[in-house]
Amino acid sequence: MGFPPAATYQKALFAAGIPLTAFNVEDVEAEYKRLKEAGVSFSLAPTLMGTVKLVVFDDTCGNNIQLFQVM
């Protein structure tokens, strides 16, 4: 049945483009390529932001997930 306030929160995060969680990876470009080839939909391609490169993708369950690499 779920918890309606949690569903509202999840939808608001997704609509705002805010990742639910983030994972550190060794090579964000390689992960982006691998996941893209597998059909994953990205809302943010590899982007350098200061000393971090990151991507954001849709997990198909209503969440944005971020992968990042410290440069």
C-alpha atoms as a PDB file:
ATOM      1  CA  MET A   1       0.000   0.000   0.000  1.00  0.00           C
ATOM      2  CA  GLY A   2       2.879   2.354   0.576  1.00  0.00           C
ATOM      3  CA  PHE A   3       3.149   5.504   2.643  1.00  0.00           C
ATOM      4  CA  PRO A   4       1.552   8.445   0.783  1.00  0.00           C
ATOM      5  CA  PRO A   5       3.858  11.154   2.234  1.00  0.00           C
ATOM      6  CA  ALA A   6       6.896   9.163   1.066  1.00  0.00           C
ATOM      7  CA  ALA A   7       5.435   8.884  -2.437  1.00  0.00           C
ATOM      8  CA  THR A   8       4.857  12.651  -2.516  1.00  0.00           C
ATOM      9  CA  TYR A   9       8.462  13.255  -1.395  1.00  0.00           C
ATOM     10  CA  GLN A  10       9.839  10.824  -4.005  1.00  0.00           C
ATOM     11  CA  LYS A  11       7.857  12.457  -6.814  1.00  0.00           C
ATOM     12  CA  ALA A  12       8.958  15.952  -5.738  1.00  0.00           C
ATOM     13  CA  LEU A  13      12.645  14.950  -5.682  1.00  0.00           C
ATOM     14  CA  PHE A  14      12.363  13.369  -9.127  1.00  0.00           C
ATOM     15  CA  ALA A  15      10.501  16.341 -10.617  1.00  0.00           C
ATOM     16  CA  ALA A  16      13.155  18.716  -9.257  1.00  0.00           C
ATOM     17  CA  GLY A  17      15.948  16.582 -10.721  1.00  0.00           C
ATOM     18  CA  ILE A  18      17.433  15.880  -7.286  1.00  0.00           C
ATOM     19  CA  PRO A  19      19.171  12.494  -6.951  1.00  0.00           C
ATOM     20  CA  LEU A  20      17.879  10.145  -4.277  1.00  0.00           C
ATOM     21  CA  THR A  21      21.397   8.847  -3.703  1.00  0.00           C
ATOM     22  CA  ALA A  22      24.903   9.035  -5.124  1.00  0.00           C
ATOM     23  CA  PHE A  23      27.639   6.493  -5.693  1.00  0.00           C
ATOM     24  CA  ASN A  24      31.369   7.103  -6.081  1.00  0.00           C
ATOM     25  CA  VAL A  25      32.857   5.298  -9.098  1.00  0.00           C
ATOM     26  CA  GLU A  26      36.419   5.035 -10.362  1.00  0.00           C
ATOM     27  CA  ASP A  27      35.633   6.057 -13.956  1.00  0.00           C
ATOM     28  CA  VAL A  28      32.384   7.931 -14.518  1.00  0.00           C
ATOM     29  CA  GLU A  29      32.911   8.088 -18.303  1.00  0.00           C
ATOM     30  CA  ALA A  30      33.244   4.294 -18.514  1.00  0.00           C
ATOM     31  CA  GLU A  31      30.145   3.750 -16.343  1.00  0.00           C
ATOM     32  CA  TYR A  32      28.183   6.264 -18.426  1.00  0.00           C
ATOM     33  CA  LYS A  33      29.138   4.476 -21.644  1.00  0.00           C
ATOM     34  CA  ARG A  34      28.371   1.020 -20.211  1.00  0.00           C
ATOM     35  CA  LEU A  35      24.971   2.046 -18.828  1.00  0.00           C
ATOM     36  CA  LYS A  36      24.040   4.096 -21.916  1.00  0.00           C
ATOM     37  CA  GLU A  37      24.738   1.066 -24.127  1.00  0.00           C
ATOM     38  CA  ALA A  38      22.452  -0.969 -21.827  1.00  0.00           C
ATOM     39  CA  GLY A  39      19.609   1.502 -22.478  1.00  0.00           C
ATOM     40  CA  VAL A  40      19.760   3.595 -19.310  1.00  0.00           C
ATOM     41  CA  SER A  41      18.243   7.074 -19.662  1.00  0.00           C
ATOM     42  CA  PHE A  42      20.436   9.922 -18.413  1.00  0.00           C
ATOM     43  CA  SER A  43      19.220  13.391 -17.487  1.00  0.00           C
ATOM     44  CA  LEU A  44      22.795  14.638 -17.091  1.00  0.00           C
ATOM     45  CA  ALA A  45      25.689  13.434 -19.263  1.00  0.00           C
ATOM     46  CA  PRO A  46      29.213  13.427 -17.778  1.00  0.00           C
ATOM     47  CA  THR A  47      29.749  16.918 -16.408  1.00  0.00           C
ATOM     48  CA  LEU A  48      32.759  18.339 -14.604  1.00  0.00           C
ATOM     49  CA  MET A  49      31.783  20.398 -11.555  1.00  0.00           C
ATOM     50  CA  GLY A  50      34.870  21.636  -9.818  1.00  0.00           C
ATOM     51  CA  THR A  51      36.882  18.588  -8.776  1.00  0.00           C
ATOM     52  CA  VAL A  52      34.042  16.125  -9.398  1.00  0.00           C
ATOM     53  CA  LYS A  53      32.668  14.652 -12.633  1.00  0.00           C
ATOM     54  CA  LEU A  54      29.117  13.342 -12.403  1.00  0.00           C
ATOM     55  CA  VAL A  55      26.159  11.868 -14.269  1.00  0.00           C
ATOM     56  CA  VAL A  56      22.508  11.479 -13.288  1.00  0.00           C
ATOM     57  CA  PHE A  57      20.183   8.737 -14.513  1.00  0.00           C
ATOM     58  CA  ASP A  58      16.621   7.502 -14.055  1.00  0.00           C
ATOM     59  CA  ASP A  59      16.460   4.183 -12.161  1.00  0.00           C
ATOM     60  CA  THR A  60      13.006   3.421 -13.704  1.00  0.00           C
ATOM     61  CA  CYS A  61      11.461   3.311 -10.198  1.00  0.00           C
ATOM     62  CA  GLY A  62      10.872   7.053  -9.901  1.00  0.00           C
ATOM     63  CA  ASN A  63      14.312   8.078  -8.654  1.00  0.00           C
ATOM     64  CA  ASN A  64      17.296   9.971 -10.012  1.00  0.00           C
ATOM     65  CA  ILE A  65      20.627   8.318  -9.207  1.00  0.00           C
ATOM     66  CA  GLN A  66      23.951  10.145  -9.354  1.00  0.00           C
ATOM     67  CA  LEU A  67      27.344   8.618 -10.099  1.00  0.00           C
ATOM     68  CA  PHE A  68      30.406  10.722  -9.359  1.00  0.00           C
ATOM     69  CA  GLN A  69      34.149  10.560  -9.704  1.00  0.00           C
ATOM     70  CA  VAL A  70      36.559  12.693  -7.716  1.00  0.00           C
ATOM     71  CA  MET A  71      39.085  14.010 -10.207  1.00  0.00           C
END
